[in-house]
Each structure stands twice: as C-alpha cells, then as structure tokens.
Amino acid sequence: MAADAHSTATLRLTVGDLRVVHPITVPQAPVPAAAVVPALQELVNAVVAAAEAGKTVSCRKGCGACCRQLVPISRTEGERLLALVEAMPAERRERLKTRFAAAEAAIAAAGLADRAGRSDRELSLAYFALRLPCPFLEDESCSIHADRPLVCREYLVTSPAELCAGPAQEGVTPVAVPKVSMAARGLQNESEDWFPLALLMKWRKTRPRNGTRRPGPEWIQRFLKRIASE
C-alpha cells in the first residue's frame, strides 16, 4: 500500500431530522486521530449546510462577538491545532503564543481555570463576561477560519449580529445545528474531556503523549458510533 493512499466513501448520515449524504476521504494507513480532522471538518460543514438550508444567516466576516465565547475542543482537535501553530512562520507563532499567555493569565485571574463545581452553562457565561478574544482572532475575524474548531462551525445565528455581544445574548437566535462536534470528545479514549481553546498552550504542557494510530476509515467509524450514542 502506498504511504499516501487514501480511501473515499459516501456517508449517508441521519442526525436528528437531517439527512446528510457526503463523500469523505481519509488515509488508508494507520495514522494519528488528528490526521482525520480535515475529514471531520468537512462532515460537520455538510451537517451545518443541511441545517441552515433556507435560512438567512447573519454571521459575517468582521463580526467577532462569538469569538469571545468559551470554545470547547477535544484532544484530537487540540493536537491538530498545535501542529498548525508550529507550522506557522516564527514571528506569527510567537505573536500567537503571547496572546495565548495573556488569555491564560486572564482566565486564571478570574478563577475560571478550574471547572469544578460549575455547570457548562455557568462557566460559559462567566467566560463570556471576560470579553476575552480568541487568540486566533485578528481584525475581528478568525485567522484560521479554514481550520477553525468543529464547534465554531456549528454556531450560526439568524438574529441581528449586534445582539451577539449582549452579556446574556438575549434575543440571539441560533440555527438549530446538531452538535456533531461532541463526537470528537473521547475519540481516542473515552475518558478524555474537553478544554477551552484559549488554554491550548497550557494543555500542550500536560497533554497525553501515548496517541494510538488507526487506519483512517476506522477513526471515522469510531466518530460515527459516537454520534449515534450521543
């Protein structure tokens, strides 16, 4: 088998009331889970496209209120994002690391580094109150838009964009998108938990190093099984 051989299949997926038919291509050889993240991104994009069909979405480039929300990411996505940062030119990489350090300090100062005793909703509201921009936010736009986390792809609104900046986001009308992104949590190990994107560099220091390699199609099968079990 050639090292760069890939396998393509057409997925027929039912998520809630949505029916999604989407081709997916992944490496045939055993690879780290992070190697199939682009395929997962395309799959989430297909689910989002089906959910927003016929709706007028108000999200636009330059509207960065949602980029101050807590963004939960999985280990697999974290590994992919770390590789993305490390592949950047040195000057840009250092600017990003400075922003991550500032975000980490602000989260710690607000007492939000420890999630214990807080519901996800409570934590999300407290985090949003910090008005802390995502380290990847530049000129109120996502600087890694093509590689943005799965959960970011699932958040779209049809209400006026200016409402998104409200402290409790009153009047905001999100598009009802199935949270397929949650299937990435525990993809490698069921005991895995999510962590805030803004703490990516902190997570980097303690992240697991014992990653399993599986054929690309097997990773996708595991992801689909997790969707079915949510």
Protein backbone atom coordinates (compact mmCIF):
# COMPACT_ATOMS: atom_id res chain seq x y z
CA MET A 1 0.00 0.00 0.00
CA ALA A 2 1.39 3.42 -0.91
CA ALA A 3 2.10 5.61 2.09
CA ASP A 4 -0.15 8.32 0.72
CA ALA A 5 -3.03 6.01 -0.31
CA HIS A 6 -6.45 7.29 0.60
CA SER A 7 -9.91 5.76 0.89
CA THR A 8 -13.10 7.54 -0.19
CA ALA A 9 -16.63 6.58 0.81
CA THR A 10 -20.02 8.26 0.67
CA LEU A 11 -21.57 8.63 4.10
CA ARG A 12 -25.33 8.60 4.50
CA LEU A 13 -25.95 10.11 7.88
CA THR A 14 -29.14 10.77 9.82
CA VAL A 15 -28.75 13.37 12.57
CA GLY A 16 -32.00 14.39 14.19
CA ASP A 17 -34.31 15.42 11.36
CA LEU A 18 -31.44 15.93 8.94
CA ARG A 19 -30.37 13.55 6.20
CA VAL A 20 -26.81 14.14 5.05
CA VAL A 21 -25.11 12.46 2.11
CA HIS A 22 -21.45 13.36 1.97
CA PRO A 23 -18.25 11.88 0.46
CA ILE A 24 -15.35 11.56 2.84
CA THR A 25 -11.68 10.84 2.13
CA VAL A 26 -9.16 9.65 4.71
CA PRO A 27 -5.74 7.93 4.71
CA GLN A 28 -5.89 4.15 4.44
CA ALA A 29 -2.77 3.63 6.55
CA PRO A 30 -2.70 3.81 10.36
CA VAL A 31 -2.50 7.49 11.34
CA PRO A 32 -2.94 9.61 14.48
CA ALA A 33 -6.52 10.74 15.08
CA ALA A 34 -5.51 14.33 14.27
CA ALA A 35 -4.87 13.27 10.66
CA VAL A 36 -8.60 12.77 10.03
CA VAL A 37 -9.65 16.15 11.47
CA PRO A 38 -9.95 17.69 7.95
CA ALA A 39 -12.44 14.96 7.06
CA LEU A 40 -14.39 15.61 10.27
CA GLN A 41 -14.42 19.33 9.44
CA GLU A 42 -15.94 18.59 6.02
CA LEU A 43 -18.54 16.31 7.59
CA VAL A 44 -19.55 18.97 10.13
CA ASN A 45 -19.71 21.50 7.30
CA ALA A 46 -22.14 19.22 5.46
CA VAL A 47 -24.35 18.87 8.55
CA VAL A 48 -24.31 22.65 9.08
CA ALA A 49 -25.19 23.27 5.41
CA ALA A 50 -28.20 20.97 5.74
CA ALA A 51 -29.31 22.70 8.96
CA GLU A 52 -29.05 26.24 7.58
CA ALA A 53 -30.71 25.49 4.23
CA GLY A 54 -33.43 28.08 3.57
CA LYS A 55 -32.38 30.30 6.48
CA THR A 56 -30.78 33.74 6.33
CA VAL A 57 -27.66 33.61 8.46
CA SER A 58 -26.46 36.97 9.78
CA CYS A 59 -22.89 35.91 10.64
CA ARG A 60 -20.32 37.80 8.57
CA LYS A 61 -16.57 38.29 8.41
CA GLY A 62 -15.60 41.02 10.87
CA CYS A 63 -18.36 40.16 13.35
CA GLY A 64 -16.30 38.67 16.16
CA ALA A 65 -18.62 38.62 19.19
CA CYS A 66 -18.89 34.83 19.10
CA CYS A 67 -15.08 34.67 19.13
CA ARG A 68 -15.23 35.75 22.78
CA GLN A 69 -17.23 32.75 23.86
CA LEU A 70 -15.81 29.68 25.54
CA VAL A 71 -14.80 27.28 22.76
CA PRO A 72 -14.60 23.66 23.96
CA ILE A 73 -12.24 21.48 21.96
CA SER A 74 -11.25 17.84 22.08
CA ARG A 75 -7.82 16.31 22.48
CA THR A 76 -7.82 15.35 18.80
CA GLU A 77 -8.58 18.90 17.69
CA GLY A 78 -6.01 20.23 20.15
CA GLU A 79 -3.33 18.09 18.58
CA ARG A 80 -4.27 19.30 15.13
CA LEU A 81 -4.23 22.96 16.20
CA LEU A 82 -0.85 22.61 17.89
CA ALA A 83 0.59 21.23 14.65
CA LEU A 84 -0.98 24.15 12.78
CA VAL A 85 0.63 26.69 15.12
CA GLU A 86 4.02 25.01 14.98
CA ALA A 87 3.94 25.11 11.17
CA MET A 88 3.43 28.88 11.14
CA PRO A 89 6.27 31.35 10.46
CA ALA A 90 8.23 32.05 13.64
CA GLU A 91 7.09 35.67 14.00
CA ARG A 92 3.40 34.81 13.72
CA ARG A 93 3.82 31.82 16.01
CA GLU A 94 5.38 33.98 18.72
CA ARG A 95 2.60 36.58 18.44
CA LEU A 96 0.04 33.83 18.91
CA LYS A 97 1.83 32.38 21.91
CA THR A 98 1.86 35.83 23.51
CA ARG A 99 -1.92 36.08 23.04
CA PHE A 100 -2.42 32.60 24.48
CA ALA A 101 -0.33 33.55 27.51
CA ALA A 102 -2.45 36.67 28.06
CA ALA A 103 -5.66 34.65 27.76
CA GLU A 104 -4.39 32.03 30.18
CA ALA A 105 -3.50 34.72 32.73
CA ALA A 106 -6.91 36.39 32.43
CA ILE A 107 -8.75 33.08 32.84
CA ALA A 108 -6.67 32.21 35.91
CA ALA A 109 -7.20 35.68 37.43
CA ALA A 110 -10.96 35.28 37.02
CA GLY A 111 -10.87 31.92 38.78
CA LEU A 112 -12.12 30.08 35.71
CA ALA A 113 -9.20 27.75 35.12
CA ASP A 114 -10.84 25.15 37.37
CA ARG A 115 -14.23 23.91 36.14
CA ALA A 116 -15.06 22.04 39.34
CA GLY A 117 -18.50 22.82 40.76
CA ARG A 118 -19.65 24.80 37.72
CA SER A 119 -22.14 23.76 35.08
CA ASP A 120 -21.10 24.21 31.46
CA ARG A 121 -23.70 26.98 31.14
CA GLU A 122 -22.44 28.84 34.22
CA LEU A 123 -18.85 28.54 33.06
CA SER A 124 -19.75 29.70 29.57
CA LEU A 125 -21.49 32.85 30.83
CA ALA A 126 -18.65 33.70 33.21
CA TYR A 127 -16.11 33.22 30.44
CA PHE A 128 -18.09 35.40 28.01
CA ALA A 129 -18.26 38.14 30.64
CA LEU A 130 -14.45 38.44 30.41
CA ARG A 131 -14.78 39.64 26.79
CA LEU A 132 -11.62 37.68 26.13
CA PRO A 133 -10.87 37.43 22.39
CA CYS A 134 -9.82 34.10 20.98
CA PRO A 135 -6.05 34.17 20.41
CA PHE A 136 -6.72 33.36 16.75
CA LEU A 137 -8.96 36.44 16.34
CA GLU A 138 -7.40 39.17 14.18
CA ASP A 139 -9.26 42.27 12.96
CA GLU A 140 -12.46 40.73 14.37
CA SER A 141 -12.11 37.75 12.02
CA CYS A 142 -10.85 34.21 12.52
CA SER A 143 -7.27 33.98 11.27
CA ILE A 144 -7.56 30.19 10.93
CA HIS A 145 -11.07 30.12 9.51
CA ALA A 146 -10.45 27.10 7.26
CA ASP A 147 -9.07 25.19 10.26
CA ARG A 148 -11.38 26.54 12.98
CA PRO A 149 -12.71 24.11 15.62
CA LEU A 150 -15.71 21.94 14.87
CA VAL A 151 -17.93 23.66 17.44
CA CYS A 152 -17.23 27.06 15.85
CA ARG A 153 -18.64 25.74 12.57
CA GLU A 154 -21.85 24.75 14.32
CA TYR A 155 -22.61 28.21 15.74
CA LEU A 156 -24.64 30.39 13.36
CA VAL A 157 -27.40 32.89 14.09
CA THR A 158 -30.29 34.39 12.15
CA SER A 159 -30.87 37.28 14.57
CA PRO A 160 -29.19 40.70 14.16
CA ALA A 161 -25.44 40.33 14.62
CA GLU A 162 -25.23 43.15 17.19
CA LEU A 163 -27.29 41.11 19.68
CA CYS A 164 -24.48 38.57 19.97
CA ALA A 165 -22.42 40.99 22.07
CA GLY A 166 -25.06 41.19 24.83
CA PRO A 167 -23.91 39.77 28.19
CA ALA A 168 -26.68 37.16 28.26
CA GLN A 169 -27.12 37.15 24.47
CA GLU A 170 -30.81 37.94 24.83
CA GLY A 171 -32.71 37.77 21.56
CA VAL A 172 -29.99 35.75 19.83
CA THR A 173 -31.50 33.07 17.60
CA PRO A 174 -29.00 30.30 16.80
CA VAL A 175 -29.56 27.96 13.88
CA ALA A 176 -30.56 24.56 15.27
CA VAL A 177 -27.46 22.61 14.30
CA PRO A 178 -26.93 19.11 15.74
CA LYS A 179 -23.76 19.18 17.86
CA VAL A 180 -21.87 16.58 15.88
CA SER A 181 -18.64 18.11 17.22
CA MET A 182 -19.23 16.42 20.58
CA ALA A 183 -18.38 13.08 18.97
CA ALA A 184 -14.76 14.20 18.74
CA ARG A 185 -14.54 14.22 22.53
CA GLY A 186 -13.26 10.87 23.68
CA LEU A 187 -12.50 9.77 20.12
CA GLN A 188 -9.13 8.37 21.18
CA ASN A 189 -10.05 7.45 24.74
CA GLU A 190 -13.50 7.58 26.33
CA SER A 191 -12.07 9.12 29.49
CA GLU A 192 -10.94 12.24 27.63
CA ASP A 193 -12.53 15.57 28.45
CA TRP A 194 -12.74 18.88 26.61
CA PHE A 195 -10.78 22.01 27.41
CA PRO A 196 -11.12 25.69 26.40
CA LEU A 197 -9.38 26.63 23.15
CA ALA A 198 -7.81 29.63 24.90
CA LEU A 199 -5.90 27.20 27.15
CA LEU A 200 -4.38 25.31 24.22
CA MET A 201 -0.80 26.18 25.16
CA LYS A 202 -1.36 25.26 28.80
CA TRP A 203 -2.84 21.93 27.71
CA ARG A 204 0.19 21.41 25.48
CA LYS A 205 2.42 21.08 28.56
CA THR A 206 0.43 18.18 30.03
CA ARG A 207 -1.23 16.60 27.01
CA PRO A 208 -1.17 12.80 26.62
CA ARG A 209 1.73 11.50 24.55
CA ASN A 210 0.50 7.95 24.00
CA GLY A 211 -1.56 8.53 20.88
CA THR A 212 -2.91 5.48 19.05
CA ARG A 213 -2.60 5.10 15.29
CA ARG A 214 -5.52 3.58 13.40
CA PRO A 215 -6.46 3.35 9.72
CA GLY A 216 -8.36 6.48 8.65
CA PRO A 217 -11.65 4.63 7.98
CA GLU A 218 -11.51 3.15 11.49
CA TRP A 219 -11.25 6.62 13.03
CA ILE A 220 -14.31 7.70 11.03
CA GLN A 221 -16.25 4.62 12.14
CA ARG A 222 -15.44 5.45 15.75
CA PHE A 223 -16.60 9.04 15.21
CA LEU A 224 -19.89 7.88 13.65
CA LYS A 225 -20.52 5.45 16.51
CA ARG A 226 -20.05 8.29 18.97
CA ILE A 227 -22.59 10.40 17.04
CA ALA A 228 -25.08 7.56 17.30
CA SER A 229 -24.50 7.22 21.05
CA GLU A 230 -24.90 10.94 21.87
